[in-house]
Amino acid sequence: MSDPMLRLKGIEKVYNAGQKGEVRVLREAGLEIGAGEMVALVAPSGAGKSTLLHIAGLLDTPDSGIVEIGGEAMTGLSDRRRTVARRREVGFVYQFHHLLPEFTARENIVLPQLADGVPRAEAIARADELLDRVGIAGRAGHRPSAMSGGEQQRVAFCRALANSPRLLLADEPTGNLDPVTSDTVFETLMDLVRGTGLAALIATHNLELAARMDRIVKLEQGRVVAG
């Protein structure tokens, strides 16, 4: 891979566990993902999946190592510049949708765009375009409580893509859904990644879904290894 969209190199992360001393979660972890590539991250609970995602997505900083997105170094940035880079370059999807309950589907997608300075009319048009792409344009004016779990997660996908990031990170994005809905929602996620050229790192316990991605990596003793 000559020009990866995401590059992690030599990532180390140690936490202080109180009386248990230090816990080394990541040990020289490295990973490269290209544009348009979907990579499944598989590991047992507590192995460091979320930590790796948070470091890749600039929510956390490694104790040492390099994080690059689109060839640009992200380690060593000021808090302000990290916040801007995270808002523009990274989209997050979690197991639970975390939509703002008082706002409609459209408004949940508009808000992150307004925070990035996008004019309201443009932000609304972008929200409606994304909702149409995932097949729920008719739910634009509904609040989360009036939508099914699958619909809520599709809105969460749209919100993650609102600012046209180059990297999508997802932590068990279908883990809270029944098998049928999970399959449908995952197909939507795959279509979005393929259609936008995103680099995507998807943490999942579902080995069937993992097998449908481009490749699988695992976390073993803090290191990223081929699945």
Protein backbone atom coordinates (compact mmCIF):
# COMPACT_ATOMS: atom_id res chain seq x y z
CA MET A 1 0.00 0.00 0.00
CA SER A 2 1.81 3.12 -1.25
CA ASP A 3 -0.35 5.86 0.22
CA PRO A 4 -2.57 4.70 3.11
CA MET A 5 -5.38 6.88 4.36
CA LEU A 6 -4.71 5.77 7.96
CA ARG A 7 -1.29 4.85 9.25
CA LEU A 8 -0.54 3.83 12.81
CA LYS A 9 3.09 3.05 13.58
CA GLY A 10 4.70 1.99 16.85
CA ILE A 11 1.67 2.90 18.96
CA GLU A 12 2.21 2.40 22.69
CA LYS A 13 -0.40 2.99 25.39
CA VAL A 14 -0.03 2.32 29.10
CA TYR A 15 -2.66 2.91 31.78
CA ASN A 16 -2.13 3.20 35.52
CA ALA A 17 -4.34 0.55 37.14
CA GLY A 18 -3.77 1.68 40.72
CA GLN A 19 -2.63 -1.13 43.00
CA LYS A 20 -2.27 -3.43 40.01
CA GLY A 21 0.36 -1.11 38.58
CA GLU A 22 0.71 -0.24 34.93
CA VAL A 23 -1.23 -2.05 32.21
CA ARG A 24 0.31 -1.96 28.75
CA VAL A 25 -2.71 -2.00 26.42
CA LEU A 26 -0.94 -1.41 23.10
CA ARG A 27 2.61 -2.53 22.23
CA GLU A 28 4.13 -1.06 19.09
CA ALA A 29 0.78 -1.47 17.34
CA GLY A 30 0.84 -0.72 13.64
CA LEU A 31 -1.83 -0.63 10.93
CA GLU A 32 -2.36 0.83 7.47
CA ILE A 33 -5.72 1.23 5.70
CA GLY A 34 -6.23 2.52 2.18
CA ALA A 35 -9.02 4.70 0.80
CA GLY A 36 -12.13 2.65 0.09
CA GLU A 37 -10.91 -0.24 2.23
CA MET A 38 -12.95 -1.83 5.03
CA VAL A 39 -10.90 -3.53 7.72
CA ALA A 40 -12.44 -5.59 10.52
CA LEU A 41 -10.82 -5.34 13.95
CA VAL A 42 -11.50 -8.46 16.01
CA ALA A 43 -10.41 -9.04 19.60
CA PRO A 44 -11.86 -10.12 22.96
CA SER A 45 -13.36 -7.52 25.27
CA GLY A 46 -10.65 -5.69 27.17
CA ALA A 47 -7.98 -6.37 24.55
CA GLY A 48 -7.67 -2.71 23.57
CA LYS A 49 -9.98 -2.34 20.54
CA SER A 50 -11.61 0.83 21.80
CA THR A 51 -8.26 2.28 22.83
CA LEU A 52 -6.89 1.69 19.32
CA LEU A 53 -9.98 3.27 17.75
CA HIS A 54 -9.78 6.29 20.05
CA ILE A 55 -6.12 6.85 19.21
CA ALA A 56 -6.76 6.43 15.47
CA GLY A 57 -9.66 8.88 15.76
CA LEU A 58 -7.71 11.48 17.77
CA LEU A 59 -9.89 11.08 20.85
CA ASP A 60 -6.87 9.85 22.79
CA THR A 61 -3.12 10.25 22.42
CA PRO A 62 -0.57 7.43 22.39
CA ASP A 63 2.34 7.42 24.82
CA SER A 64 4.53 7.01 21.76
CA GLY A 65 4.13 6.25 18.08
CA ILE A 66 2.79 7.93 14.95
CA VAL A 67 -0.77 8.59 13.76
CA GLU A 68 -1.23 9.81 10.19
CA ILE A 69 -4.48 10.50 8.32
CA GLY A 70 -4.22 11.17 4.61
CA GLY A 71 -0.44 11.37 4.92
CA GLU A 72 -0.64 14.14 7.52
CA ALA A 73 0.93 13.64 10.94
CA MET A 74 -1.64 14.00 13.73
CA THR A 75 0.57 13.32 16.73
CA GLY A 76 1.92 16.38 18.47
CA LEU A 77 -0.88 18.71 17.41
CA SER A 78 -2.33 21.21 19.86
CA ASP A 79 -5.69 20.38 21.42
CA ARG A 80 -7.41 22.92 19.16
CA ARG A 81 -5.87 21.56 15.98
CA ARG A 82 -6.67 17.99 17.05
CA THR A 83 -10.29 18.98 17.59
CA VAL A 84 -10.51 20.54 14.13
CA ALA A 85 -8.81 17.55 12.50
CA ARG A 86 -11.10 15.12 14.33
CA ARG A 87 -14.21 17.02 13.28
CA ARG A 88 -13.18 17.20 9.62
CA GLU A 89 -11.22 14.00 9.03
CA VAL A 90 -12.88 11.36 11.21
CA GLY A 91 -16.39 9.95 11.49
CA PHE A 92 -17.38 7.81 14.48
CA VAL A 93 -20.13 5.22 14.85
CA TYR A 94 -20.75 3.42 18.12
CA GLN A 95 -22.80 0.41 19.21
CA PHE A 96 -25.44 2.77 20.59
CA HIS A 97 -26.41 5.55 18.22
CA HIS A 98 -26.01 8.43 20.73
CA LEU A 99 -28.37 10.65 18.73
CA LEU A 100 -29.58 13.78 20.47
CA PRO A 101 -33.15 12.87 21.48
CA GLU A 102 -34.59 16.38 21.28
CA PHE A 103 -33.58 16.83 17.64
CA THR A 104 -34.90 15.24 14.45
CA ALA A 105 -32.89 12.91 12.24
CA ARG A 106 -32.13 15.80 9.89
CA GLU A 107 -31.10 18.10 12.73
CA ASN A 108 -28.76 15.46 14.20
CA ILE A 109 -26.91 15.44 10.88
CA VAL A 110 -27.01 19.21 10.40
CA LEU A 111 -25.52 20.08 13.82
CA PRO A 112 -21.95 18.79 13.27
CA GLN A 113 -21.86 20.65 9.96
CA LEU A 114 -22.91 23.92 11.60
CA ALA A 115 -20.17 23.38 14.17
CA ASP A 116 -17.70 23.26 11.28
CA GLY A 117 -19.00 26.51 9.77
CA VAL A 118 -21.16 25.07 6.99
CA PRO A 119 -24.08 27.36 6.01
CA ARG A 120 -27.43 26.04 7.27
CA ALA A 121 -29.02 25.60 3.83
CA GLU A 122 -26.00 23.62 2.63
CA ALA A 123 -26.00 21.52 5.80
CA ILE A 124 -29.70 20.67 5.37
CA ALA A 125 -29.14 19.68 1.75
CA ARG A 126 -26.25 17.43 2.79
CA ALA A 127 -28.34 15.83 5.54
CA ASP A 128 -31.21 15.11 3.17
CA GLU A 129 -28.81 13.68 0.58
CA LEU A 130 -27.32 11.28 3.14
CA LEU A 131 -30.71 10.20 4.50
CA ASP A 132 -31.85 9.47 0.98
CA ARG A 133 -28.69 7.45 0.32
CA VAL A 134 -29.40 5.15 3.29
CA GLY A 135 -33.06 4.80 2.37
CA ILE A 136 -34.77 6.73 5.15
CA ALA A 137 -35.42 10.14 3.60
CA GLY A 138 -38.99 9.89 4.83
CA ARG A 139 -37.80 9.86 8.45
CA ALA A 140 -35.91 13.16 8.23
CA GLY A 141 -38.41 15.00 10.46
CA HIS A 142 -38.70 12.24 13.09
CA ARG A 143 -36.98 12.26 16.44
CA PRO A 144 -34.99 9.17 17.50
CA SER A 145 -37.77 7.92 19.78
CA ALA A 146 -40.06 7.60 16.75
CA MET A 147 -37.56 5.48 14.78
CA SER A 148 -36.56 1.83 14.93
CA GLY A 149 -33.12 0.77 16.12
CA GLY A 150 -31.99 0.16 12.55
CA GLU A 151 -33.22 3.57 11.45
CA GLN A 152 -31.49 5.27 14.36
CA GLN A 153 -28.19 3.59 13.49
CA ARG A 154 -28.53 4.67 9.85
CA VAL A 155 -28.96 8.24 11.04
CA ALA A 156 -25.81 7.75 13.14
CA PHE A 157 -23.98 6.67 9.98
CA CYS A 158 -25.19 9.80 8.21
CA ARG A 159 -24.09 12.00 11.09
CA ALA A 160 -20.64 10.38 11.01
CA LEU A 161 -20.34 11.22 7.31
CA ALA A 162 -21.86 14.71 7.54
CA ASN A 163 -18.53 16.57 7.26
CA SER A 164 -17.17 14.25 4.52
CA PRO A 165 -14.39 12.68 6.60
CA ARG A 166 -11.65 10.58 5.07
CA LEU A 167 -11.68 7.99 7.86
CA LEU A 168 -14.62 6.13 9.42
CA LEU A 169 -14.22 4.34 12.74
CA ALA A 170 -16.96 2.10 14.10
CA ASP A 171 -17.08 0.26 17.44
CA GLU A 172 -19.54 -2.65 17.24
CA PRO A 173 -21.91 -0.62 15.00
CA THR A 174 -24.48 -3.44 14.73
CA GLY A 175 -23.93 -4.99 18.15
CA ASN A 176 -27.19 -3.63 19.57
CA LEU A 177 -29.39 -4.88 16.71
CA ASP A 178 -31.16 -8.15 15.99
CA PRO A 179 -29.52 -10.38 13.34
CA VAL A 180 -31.82 -9.41 10.47
CA THR A 181 -31.58 -5.68 11.15
CA SER A 182 -27.85 -6.03 11.76
CA ASP A 183 -27.36 -7.53 8.31
CA THR A 184 -29.39 -4.81 6.62
CA VAL A 185 -27.63 -2.00 8.47
CA PHE A 186 -24.23 -3.49 7.73
CA GLU A 187 -25.04 -3.60 4.02
CA THR A 188 -25.87 0.10 4.25
CA LEU A 189 -22.54 0.77 5.92
CA MET A 190 -20.66 -1.15 3.23
CA ASP A 191 -22.46 0.78 0.47
CA LEU A 192 -21.54 4.09 2.12
CA VAL A 193 -17.87 3.16 2.41
CA ARG A 194 -17.67 1.91 -1.17
CA GLY A 195 -19.57 4.91 -2.50
CA THR A 196 -17.50 7.55 -0.75
CA GLY A 197 -13.98 6.08 -0.85
CA LEU A 198 -13.62 6.20 2.91
CA ALA A 199 -11.04 4.22 4.80
CA ALA A 200 -12.97 2.27 7.44
CA LEU A 201 -11.89 0.41 10.56
CA ILE A 202 -14.76 -1.58 12.05
CA ALA A 203 -14.46 -3.28 15.45
CA THR A 204 -16.83 -6.23 15.69
CA HIS A 205 -17.40 -9.53 17.51
CA ASN A 206 -19.48 -10.76 14.57
CA LEU A 207 -17.15 -13.00 12.58
CA GLU A 208 -19.67 -13.35 9.73
CA LEU A 209 -19.72 -9.59 9.22
CA ALA A 210 -15.94 -9.43 9.60
CA ALA A 211 -15.52 -11.99 6.82
CA ARG A 212 -17.41 -9.72 4.41
CA MET A 213 -14.86 -6.92 4.78
CA ASP A 214 -11.66 -6.59 2.77
CA ARG A 215 -9.51 -8.07 5.50
CA ILE A 216 -9.42 -8.89 9.19
CA VAL A 217 -6.88 -7.82 11.78
CA LYS A 218 -6.67 -8.90 15.40
CA LEU A 219 -5.24 -7.48 18.59
CA GLU A 220 -2.99 -9.99 20.33
CA GLN A 221 -1.03 -8.91 23.40
CA GLY A 222 -1.35 -5.30 22.34
CA ARG A 223 -0.11 -5.82 18.79
CA VAL A 224 -2.08 -5.71 15.54
CA VAL A 225 -1.72 -8.96 13.60
CA ALA A 226 -3.33 -10.36 10.45
CA GLY A 227 -6.62 -12.14 11.08
